[in-house]
Amino acid sequence: MRSEVITVRTGNRPAVRDITAEASDFVNGQGDGLLHVFVPHATAGVALIETGSGSDDDLLRAIDDLLPADDRWRHRHGSPGHGRDHVLPAFVPPYATVPVLDGRLALGTWQSICLVDPNGDNPTREVRLSFLPG
């Protein structure tokens, strides 16, 4: 298995960052297999969604609707409402696996691999890309 960690800047507010290009570069020329994308953070996830058409903003709005950043959370360190960020991985898992065919990601036409980070307390995130040859 081949594996490497990339660093993604998410900034100081909730963000959806498209990392498809980095993932594509990682598997380029690797043949057939599986790409596993993993975010080793308790407050971030990985989603396969369409980007650039407003879906990324819609996802952040849906997270806010489902998991409001208010004082209801028992987990209270960090910025106000930060406890909800620790619940996020139950809804947006910290991993995704994508087929790779002939060194190319086998994503659907509008699918992108995105890092979902609602936690503005951490402006950078690590993402582990692992390729398992077929």
C-alpha atoms as a PDB file:
ATOM      1  CA  MET A   1       0.000   0.000   0.000  1.00  0.00           C
ATOM      2  CA  ARG A   2       1.244   3.491  -0.842  1.00  0.00           C
ATOM      3  CA  SER A   3       0.272   6.293   1.559  1.00  0.00           C
ATOM      4  CA  GLU A   4       1.015   9.978   2.080  1.00  0.00           C
ATOM      5  CA  VAL A   5      -0.354  12.901   4.068  1.00  0.00           C
ATOM      6  CA  ILE A   6      -1.313  16.202   2.490  1.00  0.00           C
ATOM      7  CA  THR A   7      -2.036  19.430   4.357  1.00  0.00           C
ATOM      8  CA  VAL A   8      -5.181  21.363   3.466  1.00  0.00           C
ATOM      9  CA  ARG A   9      -5.800  24.942   4.577  1.00  0.00           C
ATOM     10  CA  THR A  10      -9.428  25.377   5.628  1.00  0.00           C
ATOM     11  CA  GLY A  11      -9.197  28.776   7.330  1.00  0.00           C
ATOM     12  CA  ASN A  12     -10.949  30.095  10.403  1.00  0.00           C
ATOM     13  CA  ARG A  13     -14.564  29.439   9.411  1.00  0.00           C
ATOM     14  CA  PRO A  14     -16.539  26.399   8.238  1.00  0.00           C
ATOM     15  CA  ALA A  15     -15.305  25.187   4.862  1.00  0.00           C
ATOM     16  CA  VAL A  16     -15.703  22.578   2.170  1.00  0.00           C
ATOM     17  CA  ARG A  17     -12.415  22.142   0.277  1.00  0.00           C
ATOM     18  CA  ASP A  18     -12.246  20.193  -2.968  1.00  0.00           C
ATOM     19  CA  ILE A  19      -9.215  17.878  -2.829  1.00  0.00           C
ATOM     20  CA  THR A  20      -9.984  15.924  -6.005  1.00  0.00           C
ATOM     21  CA  ALA A  21      -6.961  17.309  -7.860  1.00  0.00           C
ATOM     22  CA  GLU A  22      -4.587  16.230  -5.080  1.00  0.00           C
ATOM     23  CA  ALA A  23      -6.204  12.778  -4.952  1.00  0.00           C
ATOM     24  CA  SER A  24      -6.021  12.466  -8.731  1.00  0.00           C
ATOM     25  CA  ASP A  25      -2.328  13.393  -8.736  1.00  0.00           C
ATOM     26  CA  PHE A  26      -1.699  10.813  -6.013  1.00  0.00           C
ATOM     27  CA  VAL A  27      -3.197   7.909  -8.017  1.00  0.00           C
ATOM     28  CA  ASN A  28      -1.996   9.032 -11.447  1.00  0.00           C
ATOM     29  CA  GLY A  29      -0.288   6.110 -13.188  1.00  0.00           C
ATOM     30  CA  GLN A  30      -0.949   3.655 -10.345  1.00  0.00           C
ATOM     31  CA  GLY A  31      -3.116   1.209 -12.304  1.00  0.00           C
ATOM     32  CA  ASP A  32      -6.260  -0.343 -10.830  1.00  0.00           C
ATOM     33  CA  GLY A  33      -7.047  -0.320  -7.120  1.00  0.00           C
ATOM     34  CA  LEU A  34      -8.719   1.666  -4.377  1.00  0.00           C
ATOM     35  CA  LEU A  35      -8.000   5.126  -3.037  1.00  0.00           C
ATOM     36  CA  HIS A  36      -8.809   5.548   0.634  1.00  0.00           C
ATOM     37  CA  VAL A  37      -9.086   9.133   1.886  1.00  0.00           C
ATOM     38  CA  PHE A  38      -8.931   9.573   5.665  1.00  0.00           C
ATOM     39  CA  VAL A  39      -9.047  12.695   7.839  1.00  0.00           C
ATOM     40  CA  PRO A  40      -7.398  11.960  11.222  1.00  0.00           C
ATOM     41  CA  HIS A  41      -9.369  14.674  13.033  1.00  0.00           C
ATOM     42  CA  ALA A  42     -12.305  14.448  15.446  1.00  0.00           C
ATOM     43  CA  THR A  43     -14.061  17.451  13.892  1.00  0.00           C
ATOM     44  CA  ALA A  44     -13.838  16.970  10.100  1.00  0.00           C
ATOM     45  CA  GLY A  45     -15.155  14.618   7.447  1.00  0.00           C
ATOM     46  CA  VAL A  46     -14.887  13.603   3.816  1.00  0.00           C
ATOM     47  CA  ALA A  47     -17.782  13.917   1.371  1.00  0.00           C
ATOM     48  CA  LEU A  48     -18.247  13.002  -2.274  1.00  0.00           C
ATOM     49  CA  ILE A  49     -20.354  15.862  -3.614  1.00  0.00           C
ATOM     50  CA  GLU A  50     -20.728  18.240  -6.526  1.00  0.00           C
ATOM     51  CA  THR A  51     -18.880  21.519  -6.043  1.00  0.00           C
ATOM     52  CA  GLY A  52     -19.008  24.883  -7.757  1.00  0.00           C
ATOM     53  CA  SER A  53     -22.786  24.941  -8.143  1.00  0.00           C
ATOM     54  CA  GLY A  54     -23.621  25.904  -4.565  1.00  0.00           C
ATOM     55  CA  SER A  55     -23.752  22.360  -3.184  1.00  0.00           C
ATOM     56  CA  ASP A  56     -20.769  23.014  -0.920  1.00  0.00           C
ATOM     57  CA  ASP A  57     -22.561  26.008   0.651  1.00  0.00           C
ATOM     58  CA  ASP A  58     -25.767  23.946   0.835  1.00  0.00           C
ATOM     59  CA  LEU A  59     -23.871  21.244   2.731  1.00  0.00           C
ATOM     60  CA  LEU A  60     -22.566  23.760   5.283  1.00  0.00           C
ATOM     61  CA  ARG A  61     -26.077  25.181   5.685  1.00  0.00           C
ATOM     62  CA  ALA A  62     -27.501  21.678   6.186  1.00  0.00           C
ATOM     63  CA  ILE A  63     -24.859  20.983   8.837  1.00  0.00           C
ATOM     64  CA  ASP A  64     -25.833  24.230  10.591  1.00  0.00           C
ATOM     65  CA  ASP A  65     -29.518  23.245  10.432  1.00  0.00           C
ATOM     66  CA  LEU A  66     -28.895  19.719  11.690  1.00  0.00           C
ATOM     67  CA  LEU A  67     -26.122  20.562  14.176  1.00  0.00           C
ATOM     68  CA  PRO A  68     -26.531  24.192  15.312  1.00  0.00           C
ATOM     69  CA  ALA A  69     -23.455  25.896  16.745  1.00  0.00           C
ATOM     70  CA  ASP A  70     -25.121  26.909  20.003  1.00  0.00           C
ATOM     71  CA  ASP A  71     -24.805  26.093  23.699  1.00  0.00           C
ATOM     72  CA  ARG A  72     -26.753  22.798  23.677  1.00  0.00           C
ATOM     73  CA  TRP A  73     -23.607  20.657  23.482  1.00  0.00           C
ATOM     74  CA  ARG A  74     -21.971  19.084  26.531  1.00  0.00           C
ATOM     75  CA  HIS A  75     -18.575  19.204  24.854  1.00  0.00           C
ATOM     76  CA  ARG A  76     -17.739  22.869  25.467  1.00  0.00           C
ATOM     77  CA  HIS A  77     -14.067  23.666  24.892  1.00  0.00           C
ATOM     78  CA  GLY A  78     -13.133  25.820  21.897  1.00  0.00           C
ATOM     79  CA  SER A  79     -15.349  28.398  20.274  1.00  0.00           C
ATOM     80  CA  PRO A  80     -19.083  28.601  21.076  1.00  0.00           C
ATOM     81  CA  GLY A  81     -20.973  25.598  19.715  1.00  0.00           C
ATOM     82  CA  HIS A  82     -17.778  23.645  19.090  1.00  0.00           C
ATOM     83  CA  GLY A  83     -19.366  20.511  20.555  1.00  0.00           C
ATOM     84  CA  ARG A  84     -21.360  20.110  17.357  1.00  0.00           C
ATOM     85  CA  ASP A  85     -18.085  19.810  15.418  1.00  0.00           C
ATOM     86  CA  HIS A  86     -17.301  16.664  17.409  1.00  0.00           C
ATOM     87  CA  VAL A  87     -20.645  15.157  16.376  1.00  0.00           C
ATOM     88  CA  LEU A  88     -20.077  15.870  12.659  1.00  0.00           C
ATOM     89  CA  PRO A  89     -18.132  12.642  11.872  1.00  0.00           C
ATOM     90  CA  ALA A  90     -21.250  10.621  12.751  1.00  0.00           C
ATOM     91  CA  PHE A  91     -22.974  12.351   9.796  1.00  0.00           C
ATOM     92  CA  VAL A  92     -20.057  13.136   7.459  1.00  0.00           C
ATOM     93  CA  PRO A  93     -17.597  10.283   8.035  1.00  0.00           C
ATOM     94  CA  PRO A  94     -13.859  10.972   8.254  1.00  0.00           C
ATOM     95  CA  TYR A  95     -13.149   8.698   5.278  1.00  0.00           C
ATOM     96  CA  ALA A  96     -14.142   7.729   1.746  1.00  0.00           C
ATOM     97  CA  THR A  97     -12.992   4.996  -0.625  1.00  0.00           C
ATOM     98  CA  VAL A  98     -12.955   5.583  -4.379  1.00  0.00           C
ATOM     99  CA  PRO A  99     -12.245   3.033  -7.129  1.00  0.00           C
ATOM    100  CA  VAL A 100      -9.203   3.738  -9.302  1.00  0.00           C
ATOM    101  CA  LEU A 101      -9.171   2.393 -12.853  1.00  0.00           C
ATOM    102  CA  ASP A 102      -6.015   2.611 -14.925  1.00  0.00           C
ATOM    103  CA  GLY A 103      -4.603   5.295 -12.630  1.00  0.00           C
ATOM    104  CA  ARG A 104      -7.714   7.488 -12.706  1.00  0.00           C
ATOM    105  CA  LEU A 105     -10.358   8.144 -10.075  1.00  0.00           C
ATOM    106  CA  ALA A 106     -13.628   6.432 -11.049  1.00  0.00           C
ATOM    107  CA  LEU A 107     -15.842   9.273  -9.820  1.00  0.00           C
ATOM    108  CA  GLY A 108     -19.225  10.144 -11.283  1.00  0.00           C
ATOM    109  CA  THR A 109     -19.523  13.100 -13.649  1.00  0.00           C
ATOM    110  CA  TRP A 110     -20.270  15.673 -10.950  1.00  0.00           C
ATOM    111  CA  GLN A 111     -18.573  14.049  -7.955  1.00  0.00           C
ATOM    112  CA  SER A 112     -15.642  15.637  -6.164  1.00  0.00           C
ATOM    113  CA  ILE A 113     -13.732  14.496  -3.090  1.00  0.00           C
ATOM    114  CA  CYS A 114     -14.152  17.180  -0.433  1.00  0.00           C
ATOM    115  CA  LEU A 115     -12.797  17.833   3.027  1.00  0.00           C
ATOM    116  CA  VAL A 116     -15.647  19.101   5.225  1.00  0.00           C
ATOM    117  CA  ASP A 117     -14.448  21.200   8.143  1.00  0.00           C
ATOM    118  CA  PRO A 118     -16.966  23.120  10.273  1.00  0.00           C
ATOM    119  CA  ASN A 119     -14.329  23.874  12.924  1.00  0.00           C
ATOM    120  CA  GLY A 120     -12.787  27.323  12.523  1.00  0.00           C
ATOM    121  CA  ASP A 121     -10.508  26.694  15.518  1.00  0.00           C
ATOM    122  CA  ASN A 122      -8.122  24.627  13.321  1.00  0.00           C
ATOM    123  CA  PRO A 123      -7.090  26.468  10.128  1.00  0.00           C
ATOM    124  CA  THR A 124      -5.191  23.516   8.621  1.00  0.00           C
ATOM    125  CA  ARG A 125      -6.005  19.830   8.347  1.00  0.00           C
ATOM    126  CA  GLU A 126      -4.126  16.717   7.410  1.00  0.00           C
ATOM    127  CA  VAL A 127      -5.606  14.241   4.958  1.00  0.00           C
ATOM    128  CA  ARG A 128      -4.115  10.779   4.471  1.00  0.00           C
ATOM    129  CA  LEU A 129      -4.323   9.386   0.943  1.00  0.00           C
ATOM    130  CA  SER A 130      -3.708   5.644   0.652  1.00  0.00           C
ATOM    131  CA  PHE A 131      -3.648   3.596  -2.550  1.00  0.00           C
ATOM    132  CA  LEU A 132      -4.260  -0.123  -2.395  1.00  0.00           C
ATOM    133  CA  PRO A 133      -3.367  -1.761  -5.727  1.00  0.00           C
ATOM    134  CA  GLY A 134      -5.832  -4.255  -7.230  1.00  0.00           C
END
